[in-house]
């Protein structure tokens, strides 16, 4: 993904905005271990970028993508006016094994959702939602624009359900926010409901 300036609230030191996956801790992360992402991760990230571009055109916030074996699963980190998504190769391999490309798309879409929320905002975002739920709603928007099949949409939702952050509320509230973003960005509510039928947090 291309690296551009992102308007996130920053301090002089790096700020961990979001870490996905229960039990994950940012304390293990060593920035010196950042490496170029694997080609398959770049291809999937390009799909997320293409979906984002239909939302914000030339005004999309940029998020640099790095792989790092010390990363806490997947984490969005802001530093010196820029944002980066760092992922553990082991984590992405686990997500892929369980949910395929769609699972990785959903994880990246959620992390990118933080930057979209901070940079753009939207009238359909409920101000009472915390930052994680707002990022979920933006992820729903991105998933709608990615035009996933019903099966892939179910996989994407499965990945989001299985790997919440420590600040996420119950899945029912998250699912409602994701659906809101999905339908406000052109996704059919009936398709979403079919993909999410009977789904519970992992």
N, C-alpha and C. Protein backbone atom coordinates (compact mmCIF):
# COMPACT_ATOMS: atom_id res chain seq x y z
N UNK A 1 0.85 -1.17 0.00
CA UNK A 1 0.00 0.00 0.00
C UNK A 1 0.89 1.23 0.00
N UNK A 2 0.45 2.30 -0.61
CA UNK A 2 1.27 3.50 -0.66
C UNK A 2 1.22 4.22 0.67
N UNK A 3 2.31 4.90 1.00
CA UNK A 3 2.40 5.60 2.27
C UNK A 3 2.16 7.08 2.05
N UNK A 4 1.13 7.62 2.65
CA UNK A 4 0.82 9.04 2.57
C UNK A 4 0.59 9.57 3.97
N UNK A 5 0.52 10.87 4.07
CA UNK A 5 0.27 11.48 5.39
C UNK A 5 -1.17 11.20 5.81
N UNK A 6 -1.34 10.81 7.05
CA UNK A 6 -2.64 10.52 7.61
C UNK A 6 -2.88 11.43 8.80
N UNK A 7 -4.05 12.02 8.88
CA UNK A 7 -4.34 12.95 9.97
C UNK A 7 -4.89 12.21 11.17
N UNK A 8 -4.00 11.54 11.89
CA UNK A 8 -4.37 10.86 13.12
C UNK A 8 -3.85 11.66 14.31
N UNK A 9 -4.53 11.63 15.44
CA UNK A 9 -4.02 12.33 16.61
C UNK A 9 -2.73 11.67 17.07
N UNK A 10 -1.66 12.43 17.13
CA UNK A 10 -0.35 11.85 17.39
C UNK A 10 0.34 12.52 18.57
N UNK A 11 1.24 11.78 19.15
CA UNK A 11 2.20 12.34 20.07
C UNK A 11 3.55 12.25 19.38
N UNK A 12 4.60 12.70 20.04
CA UNK A 12 5.92 12.64 19.43
C UNK A 12 6.36 11.19 19.23
N UNK A 13 5.92 10.29 20.11
CA UNK A 13 6.28 8.88 19.99
C UNK A 13 5.23 8.14 19.18
N UNK A 14 5.60 6.94 18.73
CA UNK A 14 4.65 6.12 17.99
C UNK A 14 3.45 5.79 18.87
N UNK A 15 2.27 5.81 18.27
CA UNK A 15 1.04 5.53 18.99
C UNK A 15 0.40 4.29 18.38
N UNK A 16 0.14 3.29 19.19
CA UNK A 16 -0.57 2.10 18.73
C UNK A 16 -2.06 2.42 18.74
N UNK A 17 -2.64 2.47 17.56
CA UNK A 17 -4.05 2.84 17.42
C UNK A 17 -4.95 1.63 17.65
N UNK A 18 -4.54 0.47 17.14
CA UNK A 18 -5.39 -0.71 17.21
C UNK A 18 -4.54 -1.97 17.08
N UNK A 19 -4.83 -2.95 17.91
CA UNK A 19 -4.23 -4.29 17.81
C UNK A 19 -5.38 -5.29 17.77
N UNK A 20 -5.41 -6.12 16.74
CA UNK A 20 -6.48 -7.11 16.60
C UNK A 20 -6.05 -8.46 17.16
N UNK A 21 -7.00 -9.16 17.77
CA UNK A 21 -6.75 -10.49 18.30
C UNK A 21 -6.65 -10.46 19.81
N UNK A 22 -7.45 -11.27 20.46
CA UNK A 22 -7.45 -11.30 21.91
C UNK A 22 -6.09 -11.79 22.42
N UNK A 23 -5.63 -11.16 23.48
CA UNK A 23 -4.37 -11.54 24.08
C UNK A 23 -3.15 -10.96 23.39
N UNK A 24 -3.33 -10.26 22.27
CA UNK A 24 -2.19 -9.66 21.56
C UNK A 24 -1.72 -8.43 22.31
N UNK A 25 -0.41 -8.25 22.38
CA UNK A 25 0.15 -7.09 23.08
C UNK A 25 1.17 -6.39 22.19
N UNK A 26 1.07 -5.07 22.15
CA UNK A 26 1.99 -4.28 21.34
C UNK A 26 3.40 -4.24 21.92
N UNK A 27 3.56 -4.71 23.15
CA UNK A 27 4.87 -4.62 23.79
C UNK A 27 5.93 -5.46 23.09
N UNK A 28 5.51 -6.45 22.32
CA UNK A 28 6.48 -7.32 21.62
C UNK A 28 7.02 -6.68 20.35
N UNK A 29 6.35 -5.63 19.87
CA UNK A 29 6.67 -5.07 18.55
C UNK A 29 8.00 -4.33 18.55
N UNK A 30 8.85 -4.67 17.58
CA UNK A 30 10.14 -4.01 17.36
C UNK A 30 10.14 -3.41 15.96
N UNK A 31 10.07 -2.08 15.87
CA UNK A 31 9.96 -1.41 14.57
C UNK A 31 11.13 -1.74 13.64
N UNK A 32 12.29 -2.03 14.20
CA UNK A 32 13.45 -2.34 13.37
C UNK A 32 13.24 -3.60 12.53
N UNK A 33 12.26 -4.41 12.92
CA UNK A 33 11.97 -5.63 12.18
C UNK A 33 11.02 -5.45 11.01
N UNK A 34 10.56 -4.22 10.75
CA UNK A 34 9.64 -3.98 9.63
C UNK A 34 10.29 -4.36 8.31
N UNK A 35 9.56 -5.11 7.49
CA UNK A 35 10.04 -5.52 6.17
C UNK A 35 8.93 -5.31 5.16
N UNK A 36 9.34 -5.30 3.88
CA UNK A 36 8.34 -5.21 2.82
C UNK A 36 7.35 -6.36 2.97
N UNK A 37 6.08 -6.11 2.69
CA UNK A 37 5.11 -7.20 2.80
C UNK A 37 5.34 -8.27 1.74
N UNK A 38 4.87 -9.46 2.01
CA UNK A 38 4.95 -10.54 1.04
C UNK A 38 4.11 -10.18 -0.18
N UNK A 39 4.47 -10.70 -1.36
CA UNK A 39 3.72 -10.36 -2.58
C UNK A 39 2.23 -10.68 -2.49
N UNK A 40 1.87 -11.80 -1.86
CA UNK A 40 0.45 -12.12 -1.77
C UNK A 40 -0.29 -11.13 -0.88
N UNK A 41 0.36 -10.66 0.19
CA UNK A 41 -0.25 -9.64 1.05
C UNK A 41 -0.41 -8.33 0.28
N UNK A 42 0.57 -7.99 -0.55
CA UNK A 42 0.48 -6.78 -1.37
C UNK A 42 -0.69 -6.86 -2.35
N UNK A 43 -0.90 -8.04 -2.93
CA UNK A 43 -2.01 -8.20 -3.87
C UNK A 43 -3.35 -8.02 -3.17
N UNK A 44 -3.47 -8.58 -1.98
CA UNK A 44 -4.72 -8.42 -1.24
C UNK A 44 -4.91 -6.97 -0.81
N UNK A 45 -3.82 -6.33 -0.36
CA UNK A 45 -3.90 -4.93 0.04
C UNK A 45 -4.31 -4.05 -1.14
N UNK A 46 -3.87 -4.41 -2.34
CA UNK A 46 -4.24 -3.65 -3.53
C UNK A 46 -5.75 -3.71 -3.77
N UNK A 47 -6.38 -4.85 -3.43
CA UNK A 47 -7.83 -4.95 -3.56
C UNK A 47 -8.53 -4.01 -2.59
N UNK A 48 -7.98 -3.91 -1.37
CA UNK A 48 -8.55 -2.99 -0.39
C UNK A 48 -8.36 -1.55 -0.87
N UNK A 49 -7.18 -1.24 -1.38
CA UNK A 49 -6.92 0.11 -1.90
C UNK A 49 -7.91 0.48 -3.00
N UNK A 50 -8.15 -0.46 -3.92
CA UNK A 50 -9.07 -0.20 -5.02
C UNK A 50 -10.47 0.07 -4.51
N UNK A 51 -10.89 -0.69 -3.50
CA UNK A 51 -12.22 -0.47 -2.91
C UNK A 51 -12.28 0.89 -2.21
N UNK A 52 -11.22 1.23 -1.47
CA UNK A 52 -11.17 2.53 -0.78
C UNK A 52 -11.25 3.68 -1.77
N UNK A 53 -10.59 3.53 -2.90
CA UNK A 53 -10.53 4.62 -3.88
C UNK A 53 -11.92 4.99 -4.39
N UNK A 54 -12.83 4.02 -4.41
CA UNK A 54 -14.20 4.32 -4.84
C UNK A 54 -14.95 5.13 -3.78
N UNK A 55 -14.40 5.16 -2.56
CA UNK A 55 -15.02 5.91 -1.47
C UNK A 55 -14.47 7.33 -1.39
N UNK A 56 -13.15 7.45 -1.48
CA UNK A 56 -12.52 8.75 -1.21
C UNK A 56 -11.62 9.26 -2.33
N UNK A 57 -11.58 8.57 -3.46
CA UNK A 57 -10.84 9.06 -4.62
C UNK A 57 -9.40 9.40 -4.30
N UNK A 58 -9.00 10.62 -4.67
CA UNK A 58 -7.62 11.05 -4.44
C UNK A 58 -7.38 11.56 -3.02
N UNK A 59 -8.42 11.52 -2.19
CA UNK A 59 -8.29 12.03 -0.83
C UNK A 59 -8.21 10.91 0.21
N UNK A 60 -7.96 9.69 -0.24
CA UNK A 60 -7.87 8.57 0.69
C UNK A 60 -6.62 8.71 1.56
N UNK A 61 -6.76 8.41 2.83
CA UNK A 61 -5.56 8.37 3.68
C UNK A 61 -4.70 7.18 3.27
N UNK A 62 -3.42 7.34 3.37
CA UNK A 62 -2.52 6.24 3.02
C UNK A 62 -2.05 5.52 4.27
N UNK A 63 -1.90 4.23 4.16
CA UNK A 63 -1.39 3.42 5.25
C UNK A 63 -0.32 2.50 4.67
N UNK A 64 0.89 2.62 5.16
CA UNK A 64 1.98 1.75 4.70
C UNK A 64 1.81 0.37 5.31
N UNK A 65 2.10 -0.66 4.54
CA UNK A 65 1.96 -2.04 5.00
C UNK A 65 3.33 -2.68 5.17
N UNK A 66 3.56 -3.28 6.34
CA UNK A 66 4.81 -3.96 6.63
C UNK A 66 4.55 -5.31 7.28
N UNK A 67 5.41 -6.27 7.01
CA UNK A 67 5.38 -7.52 7.76
C UNK A 67 6.49 -7.47 8.81
N UNK A 68 6.21 -8.09 9.94
CA UNK A 68 7.17 -8.03 11.03
C UNK A 68 6.85 -9.19 11.98
N UNK A 69 7.80 -10.07 12.18
CA UNK A 69 7.54 -11.24 13.01
C UNK A 69 7.30 -10.87 14.46
N UNK A 70 7.66 -9.65 14.87
CA UNK A 70 7.39 -9.22 16.25
C UNK A 70 6.07 -8.49 16.39
N UNK A 71 5.35 -8.30 15.28
CA UNK A 71 4.08 -7.56 15.33
C UNK A 71 3.05 -8.35 16.13
N UNK A 72 2.20 -7.63 16.87
CA UNK A 72 1.13 -8.29 17.63
C UNK A 72 -0.07 -8.59 16.72
N UNK A 73 0.00 -9.68 15.99
CA UNK A 73 -1.03 -10.05 15.01
C UNK A 73 -1.09 -9.02 13.89
N UNK A 74 -2.04 -8.09 13.97
CA UNK A 74 -2.12 -6.98 13.02
C UNK A 74 -2.36 -5.72 13.84
N UNK A 75 -1.59 -4.69 13.57
CA UNK A 75 -1.68 -3.47 14.38
C UNK A 75 -1.55 -2.24 13.49
N UNK A 76 -2.34 -1.22 13.79
CA UNK A 76 -2.20 0.08 13.14
C UNK A 76 -1.41 0.98 14.08
N UNK A 77 -0.34 1.55 13.56
CA UNK A 77 0.56 2.38 14.36
C UNK A 77 0.73 3.73 13.68
N UNK A 78 0.56 4.80 14.43
CA UNK A 78 0.74 6.16 13.91
C UNK A 78 2.03 6.72 14.47
N UNK A 79 2.80 7.39 13.61
CA UNK A 79 4.07 7.95 14.05
C UNK A 79 4.48 9.06 13.11
N UNK A 80 4.78 10.23 13.66
CA UNK A 80 5.28 11.37 12.88
C UNK A 80 4.38 11.71 11.71
N UNK A 81 3.07 11.70 11.94
CA UNK A 81 2.13 12.11 10.90
C UNK A 81 1.82 11.06 9.86
N UNK A 82 2.33 9.84 10.02
CA UNK A 82 2.05 8.76 9.08
C UNK A 82 1.51 7.55 9.82
N UNK A 83 0.83 6.69 9.09
CA UNK A 83 0.28 5.49 9.69
C UNK A 83 0.81 4.27 8.96
N UNK A 84 0.98 3.20 9.71
CA UNK A 84 1.41 1.94 9.09
C UNK A 84 0.66 0.79 9.73
N UNK A 85 0.38 -0.20 8.90
CA UNK A 85 -0.22 -1.44 9.37
C UNK A 85 0.89 -2.48 9.36
N UNK A 86 1.19 -3.01 10.52
CA UNK A 86 2.21 -4.05 10.61
C UNK A 86 1.50 -5.36 10.94
N UNK A 87 1.92 -6.42 10.27
CA UNK A 87 1.30 -7.72 10.51
C UNK A 87 2.35 -8.78 10.74
N UNK A 88 1.98 -9.73 11.55
CA UNK A 88 2.81 -10.90 11.78
C UNK A 88 2.52 -11.91 10.67
N UNK A 89 3.54 -12.41 9.98
CA UNK A 89 3.29 -13.42 8.94
C UNK A 89 2.52 -14.63 9.48
N UNK A 90 2.80 -15.01 10.71
CA UNK A 90 2.11 -16.15 11.31
C UNK A 90 0.61 -15.85 11.48
N UNK A 91 0.31 -14.61 11.85
CA UNK A 91 -1.10 -14.22 12.01
C UNK A 91 -1.83 -14.24 10.69
N UNK A 92 -1.25 -13.63 9.66
CA UNK A 92 -1.90 -13.63 8.35
C UNK A 92 -2.07 -15.06 7.83
N UNK A 93 -1.08 -15.92 8.09
CA UNK A 93 -1.20 -17.32 7.66
C UNK A 93 -2.38 -18.00 8.35
N UNK A 94 -2.56 -17.69 9.63
CA UNK A 94 -3.67 -18.27 10.39
C UNK A 94 -5.01 -17.75 9.88
N UNK A 95 -5.09 -16.44 9.63
CA UNK A 95 -6.32 -15.85 9.09
C UNK A 95 -6.64 -16.46 7.73
N UNK A 96 -5.61 -16.58 6.89
CA UNK A 96 -5.82 -17.15 5.55
C UNK A 96 -6.29 -18.59 5.64
N UNK A 97 -5.71 -19.36 6.54
CA UNK A 97 -6.09 -20.77 6.67
C UNK A 97 -7.56 -20.91 7.07
N UNK A 98 -8.04 -19.99 7.88
CA UNK A 98 -9.42 -20.07 8.35
C UNK A 98 -10.43 -19.38 7.46
N UNK A 99 -10.00 -18.30 6.77
CA UNK A 99 -10.97 -17.45 6.07
C UNK A 99 -10.55 -17.03 4.66
N UNK A 100 -9.41 -17.47 4.20
CA UNK A 100 -8.98 -17.15 2.83
C UNK A 100 -8.66 -15.68 2.63
N UNK A 101 -8.57 -15.29 1.36
CA UNK A 101 -8.27 -13.90 1.02
C UNK A 101 -9.25 -12.93 1.68
N UNK A 102 -10.52 -13.32 1.73
CA UNK A 102 -11.55 -12.43 2.28
C UNK A 102 -11.28 -12.08 3.74
N UNK A 103 -10.71 -13.02 4.49
CA UNK A 103 -10.38 -12.74 5.87
C UNK A 103 -9.29 -11.70 6.00
N UNK A 104 -8.28 -11.79 5.13
CA UNK A 104 -7.20 -10.80 5.14
C UNK A 104 -7.75 -9.43 4.71
N UNK A 105 -8.61 -9.43 3.69
CA UNK A 105 -9.23 -8.18 3.24
C UNK A 105 -9.95 -7.51 4.41
N UNK A 106 -10.69 -8.29 5.18
CA UNK A 106 -11.45 -7.73 6.30
C UNK A 106 -10.54 -7.15 7.38
N UNK A 107 -9.46 -7.86 7.69
CA UNK A 107 -8.52 -7.37 8.71
C UNK A 107 -7.89 -6.05 8.26
N UNK A 108 -7.43 -6.00 7.00
CA UNK A 108 -6.84 -4.77 6.48
C UNK A 108 -7.89 -3.66 6.42
N UNK A 109 -9.11 -4.00 6.01
CA UNK A 109 -10.18 -3.00 5.92
C UNK A 109 -10.49 -2.40 7.28
N UNK A 110 -10.48 -3.23 8.33
CA UNK A 110 -10.74 -2.68 9.67
C UNK A 110 -9.64 -1.70 10.07
N UNK A 111 -8.39 -2.09 9.88
CA UNK A 111 -7.29 -1.20 10.28
C UNK A 111 -7.32 0.08 9.45
N UNK A 112 -7.56 -0.05 8.15
CA UNK A 112 -7.68 1.14 7.30
C UNK A 112 -8.88 1.98 7.71
N UNK A 113 -9.90 1.32 8.28
CA UNK A 113 -11.09 2.03 8.72
C UNK A 113 -10.79 3.08 9.77
N UNK A 114 -9.78 2.84 10.60
CA UNK A 114 -9.39 3.85 11.58
C UNK A 114 -8.93 5.13 10.88
N UNK A 115 -8.11 4.97 9.84
CA UNK A 115 -7.62 6.13 9.11
C UNK A 115 -8.74 6.82 8.34
N UNK A 116 -9.64 6.04 7.74
CA UNK A 116 -10.77 6.63 7.03
C UNK A 116 -11.65 7.43 7.99
N UNK A 117 -11.90 6.88 9.16
CA UNK A 117 -12.75 7.57 10.13
C UNK A 117 -12.13 8.87 10.58
N UNK A 118 -10.83 8.85 10.82
CA UNK A 118 -10.16 10.05 11.30
C UNK A 118 -10.06 11.11 10.21
N UNK A 119 -9.84 10.68 8.98
CA UNK A 119 -9.61 11.62 7.88
C UNK A 119 -10.89 12.13 7.25
N UNK A 120 -11.91 11.26 7.15
CA UNK A 120 -13.11 11.62 6.40
C UNK A 120 -14.32 11.84 7.30
N UNK A 121 -14.55 10.91 8.22
CA UNK A 121 -15.80 10.95 8.96
C UNK A 121 -16.96 10.66 8.02
N UNK A 122 -18.14 10.44 8.56
CA UNK A 122 -19.33 10.18 7.74
C UNK A 122 -20.57 10.44 8.58
N UNK A 123 -21.61 10.93 7.94
CA UNK A 123 -22.84 11.24 8.67
C UNK A 123 -23.50 9.99 9.22
N UNK A 124 -23.22 8.84 8.61
CA UNK A 124 -23.85 7.60 9.06
C UNK A 124 -23.09 6.93 10.21
N UNK A 125 -21.97 7.51 10.63
CA UNK A 125 -21.23 6.97 11.77
C UNK A 125 -21.89 7.47 13.05
N UNK A 126 -22.27 6.56 13.91
CA UNK A 126 -22.89 6.90 15.18
C UNK A 126 -21.83 7.45 16.13
N UNK A 127 -22.02 8.66 16.59
CA UNK A 127 -21.01 9.31 17.43
C UNK A 127 -20.82 8.61 18.78
N UNK A 128 -21.78 7.78 19.18
CA UNK A 128 -21.64 7.08 20.46
C UNK A 128 -20.75 5.84 20.34
N UNK A 129 -20.45 5.42 19.10
CA UNK A 129 -19.58 4.26 18.91
C UNK A 129 -18.15 4.61 19.30
N UNK A 130 -17.44 3.65 19.89
CA UNK A 130 -16.02 3.89 20.15
C UNK A 130 -15.23 3.75 18.85
N UNK A 131 -13.95 4.04 18.89
CA UNK A 131 -13.14 4.05 17.67
C UNK A 131 -13.11 2.70 16.98
N UNK A 132 -13.16 1.62 17.74
CA UNK A 132 -13.12 0.29 17.12
C UNK A 132 -14.40 -0.01 16.35
N UNK A 133 -15.52 0.39 16.90
CA UNK A 133 -16.79 0.14 16.22
C UNK A 133 -16.90 1.04 14.98
N UNK A 134 -16.39 2.27 15.08
CA UNK A 134 -16.39 3.13 13.89
C UNK A 134 -15.51 2.53 12.79
N UNK A 135 -14.37 1.98 13.17
CA UNK A 135 -13.50 1.32 12.19
C UNK A 135 -14.19 0.11 11.58
N UNK A 136 -14.96 -0.61 12.39
CA UNK A 136 -15.75 -1.74 11.88
C UNK A 136 -16.73 -1.26 10.81
N UNK A 137 -17.40 -0.14 11.09
CA UNK A 137 -18.38 0.37 10.14
C UNK A 137 -17.71 0.76 8.82
N UNK A 138 -16.54 1.38 8.91
CA UNK A 138 -15.79 1.70 7.69
C UNK A 138 -15.34 0.43 6.99
N UNK A 139 -14.99 -0.59 7.76
CA UNK A 139 -14.64 -1.87 7.13
C UNK A 139 -15.82 -2.41 6.34
N UNK A 140 -17.03 -2.29 6.91
CA UNK A 140 -18.23 -2.70 6.18
C UNK A 140 -18.37 -1.96 4.87
N UNK A 141 -18.08 -0.66 4.90
CA UNK A 141 -18.14 0.17 3.69
C UNK A 141 -17.15 -0.36 2.65
N UNK A 142 -15.91 -0.62 3.09
CA UNK A 142 -14.89 -1.13 2.17
C UNK A 142 -15.29 -2.49 1.62
N UNK A 143 -15.84 -3.35 2.47
CA UNK A 143 -16.25 -4.68 2.01
C UNK A 143 -17.36 -4.58 0.96
N UNK A 144 -18.26 -3.61 1.12
CA UNK A 144 -19.30 -3.41 0.10
C UNK A 144 -18.68 -3.01 -1.23
N UNK A 145 -17.72 -2.11 -1.20
CA UNK A 145 -17.09 -1.64 -2.43
C UNK A 145 -16.16 -2.70 -3.04
N UNK A 146 -15.72 -3.66 -2.22
CA UNK A 146 -14.88 -4.74 -2.74
C UNK A 146 -15.70 -5.78 -3.49
N UNK A 147 -17.03 -5.69 -3.40
CA UNK A 147 -17.94 -6.56 -4.15
C UNK A 147 -17.63 -8.04 -3.93
N UNK A 148 -17.55 -8.44 -2.66
CA UNK A 148 -17.28 -9.83 -2.34
C UNK A 148 -18.50 -10.70 -2.61
N UNK A 149 -18.25 -11.96 -2.95
CA UNK A 149 -19.35 -12.92 -3.08
C UNK A 149 -19.96 -13.16 -1.71
N UNK A 150 -21.11 -13.81 -1.66
CA UNK A 150 -21.76 -14.09 -0.39
C UNK A 150 -20.87 -14.97 0.49
N UNK A 151 -20.22 -15.96 -0.11
CA UNK A 151 -19.33 -16.83 0.65
C UNK A 151 -18.13 -16.08 1.19
N UNK A 152 -17.55 -15.21 0.35
CA UNK A 152 -16.41 -14.42 0.80
C UNK A 152 -16.82 -13.41 1.87
N UNK A 153 -18.03 -12.87 1.74
CA UNK A 153 -18.51 -11.93 2.75
C UNK A 153 -18.66 -12.63 4.10
N UNK A 154 -19.15 -13.85 4.08
CA UNK A 154 -19.27 -14.61 5.33
C UNK A 154 -17.89 -14.87 5.93
N UNK A 155 -16.91 -15.17 5.07
CA UNK A 155 -15.54 -15.38 5.56
C UNK A 155 -14.97 -14.11 6.15
N UNK A 156 -15.22 -12.97 5.49
CA UNK A 156 -14.72 -11.69 5.98
C UNK A 156 -15.30 -11.39 7.36
N UNK A 157 -16.59 -11.59 7.50
CA UNK A 157 -17.24 -11.35 8.80
C UNK A 157 -16.71 -12.33 9.85
N UNK A 158 -16.45 -13.56 9.44
CA UNK A 158 -15.91 -14.54 10.36
C UNK A 158 -14.56 -14.12 10.92
N UNK A 159 -13.72 -13.56 10.06
CA UNK A 159 -12.41 -13.09 10.51
C UNK A 159 -12.54 -11.93 11.48
N UNK A 160 -13.43 -10.99 11.18
CA UNK A 160 -13.64 -9.86 12.09
C UNK A 160 -14.17 -10.32 13.44
N UNK A 161 -15.06 -11.32 13.41
CA UNK A 161 -15.62 -11.84 14.66
C UNK A 161 -14.56 -12.57 15.49
N UNK A 162 -13.68 -13.28 14.82
CA UNK A 162 -12.70 -14.10 15.55
C UNK A 162 -11.56 -13.28 16.15
N UNK A 163 -11.24 -12.15 15.53
CA UNK A 163 -10.07 -11.38 15.95
C UNK A 163 -10.43 -9.95 16.36
N UNK A 164 -11.19 -9.78 17.44
CA UNK A 164 -11.49 -8.43 17.92
C UNK A 164 -10.29 -7.82 18.63
N UNK A 165 -10.35 -6.52 18.82
CA UNK A 165 -9.37 -5.88 19.69
C UNK A 165 -9.88 -5.95 21.12
N UNK A 166 -9.03 -5.60 22.05
CA UNK A 166 -9.43 -5.60 23.47
C UNK A 166 -10.52 -4.57 23.73
N UNK A 167 -10.62 -3.54 22.88
CA UNK A 167 -11.59 -2.46 23.10
C UNK A 167 -12.93 -2.70 22.39
N UNK A 168 -13.06 -3.83 21.70
CA UNK A 168 -14.30 -4.09 20.99
C UNK A 168 -15.42 -4.50 21.95
N UNK A 169 -16.65 -4.03 21.66
CA UNK A 169 -17.80 -4.48 22.44
C UNK A 169 -18.31 -5.82 21.90
N UNK A 170 -19.48 -6.23 22.33
CA UNK A 170 -20.07 -7.50 21.91
C UNK A 170 -20.28 -7.53 20.39
N UNK A 171 -20.25 -8.74 19.84
CA UNK A 171 -20.34 -8.93 18.39
C UNK A 171 -21.63 -8.35 17.82
N UNK A 172 -22.75 -8.45 18.52
CA UNK A 172 -24.01 -7.94 17.98
C UNK A 172 -23.92 -6.46 17.63
N UNK A 173 -23.31 -5.66 18.51
CA UNK A 173 -23.15 -4.24 18.23
C UNK A 173 -22.20 -4.03 17.06
N UNK A 174 -21.12 -4.80 17.02
CA UNK A 174 -20.17 -4.70 15.92
C UNK A 174 -20.85 -5.05 14.59
N UNK A 175 -21.62 -6.12 14.60
CA UNK A 175 -22.27 -6.58 13.36
C UNK A 175 -23.22 -5.51 12.83
N UNK A 176 -23.95 -4.86 13.74
CA UNK A 176 -24.86 -3.79 13.33
C UNK A 176 -24.10 -2.63 12.70
N UNK A 177 -22.93 -2.28 13.26
CA UNK A 177 -22.13 -1.19 12.71
C UNK A 177 -21.54 -1.56 11.36
N UNK A 178 -21.08 -2.80 11.23
CA UNK A 178 -20.53 -3.25 9.94
C UNK A 178 -21.62 -3.21 8.88
N UNK A 179 -22.83 -3.66 9.25
CA UNK A 179 -23.95 -3.64 8.31
C UNK A 179 -24.29 -2.21 7.90
N UNK A 180 -24.23 -1.29 8.85
CA UNK A 180 -24.52 0.11 8.54
C UNK A 180 -23.55 0.64 7.50
N UNK A 181 -22.27 0.39 7.69
CA UNK A 181 -21.28 0.82 6.71
C UNK A 181 -21.48 0.15 5.37
N UNK A 182 -21.78 -1.14 5.42
CA UNK A 182 -21.98 -1.92 4.19
C UNK A 182 -23.13 -1.36 3.36
N UNK A 183 -24.27 -1.12 4.00
CA UNK A 183 -25.44 -0.65 3.25
C UNK A 183 -25.30 0.81 2.83
N UNK A 184 -24.66 1.64 3.64
CA UNK A 184 -24.48 3.04 3.27
C UNK A 184 -23.50 3.21 2.11
N UNK A 185 -22.70 2.20 1.86
CA UNK A 185 -21.74 2.26 0.76
C UNK A 185 -22.15 1.40 -0.42
N UNK A 186 -23.43 1.11 -0.51
CA UNK A 186 -23.97 0.47 -1.71
C UNK A 186 -24.20 -1.01 -1.63
N UNK A 187 -23.84 -1.64 -0.52
CA UNK A 187 -24.09 -3.08 -0.39
C UNK A 187 -25.55 -3.35 -0.09
N UNK A 188 -26.05 -4.46 -0.61
CA UNK A 188 -27.45 -4.82 -0.38
C UNK A 188 -27.61 -5.44 1.01
N UNK A 189 -28.54 -4.90 1.77
CA UNK A 189 -28.77 -5.41 3.11
C UNK A 189 -29.12 -6.88 3.12
N UNK A 190 -29.89 -7.33 2.12
CA UNK A 190 -30.28 -8.74 2.06
C UNK A 190 -29.06 -9.64 1.86
N UNK A 191 -28.08 -9.17 1.07
CA UNK A 191 -26.86 -9.95 0.89
C UNK A 191 -26.07 -10.05 2.19
N UNK A 192 -25.99 -8.93 2.89
CA UNK A 192 -25.29 -8.91 4.18
C UNK A 192 -25.97 -9.85 5.17
N UNK A 193 -27.29 -9.76 5.24
CA UNK A 193 -28.03 -10.58 6.20
C UNK A 193 -27.87 -12.06 5.91
N UNK A 194 -27.84 -12.40 4.63
CA UNK A 194 -27.65 -13.80 4.25
C UNK A 194 -26.26 -14.28 4.66
N UNK A 195 -25.25 -13.42 4.44
CA UNK A 195 -23.87 -13.80 4.76
C UNK A 195 -23.64 -13.91 6.27
N UNK A 196 -24.37 -13.11 7.05
CA UNK A 196 -24.15 -13.07 8.50
C UNK A 196 -25.12 -13.92 9.30
N UNK A 197 -26.04 -14.60 8.60
CA UNK A 197 -27.08 -15.37 9.30
C UNK A 197 -26.47 -16.39 10.26
N UNK A 198 -26.94 -16.34 11.50
CA UNK A 198 -26.51 -17.29 12.51
C UNK A 198 -25.10 -17.10 13.02
N UNK A 199 -24.45 -16.02 12.61
CA UNK A 199 -23.06 -15.83 12.98
C UNK A 199 -22.93 -15.31 14.39
N UNK A 200 -21.99 -15.89 15.12
CA UNK A 200 -21.71 -15.44 16.48
C UNK A 200 -20.21 -15.20 16.61
N UNK A 201 -19.82 -14.43 17.60
CA UNK A 201 -18.40 -14.20 17.84
C UNK A 201 -17.72 -15.53 18.15
N UNK A 202 -16.48 -15.68 17.67
CA UNK A 202 -15.73 -16.94 17.86
C UNK A 202 -15.22 -17.04 19.29
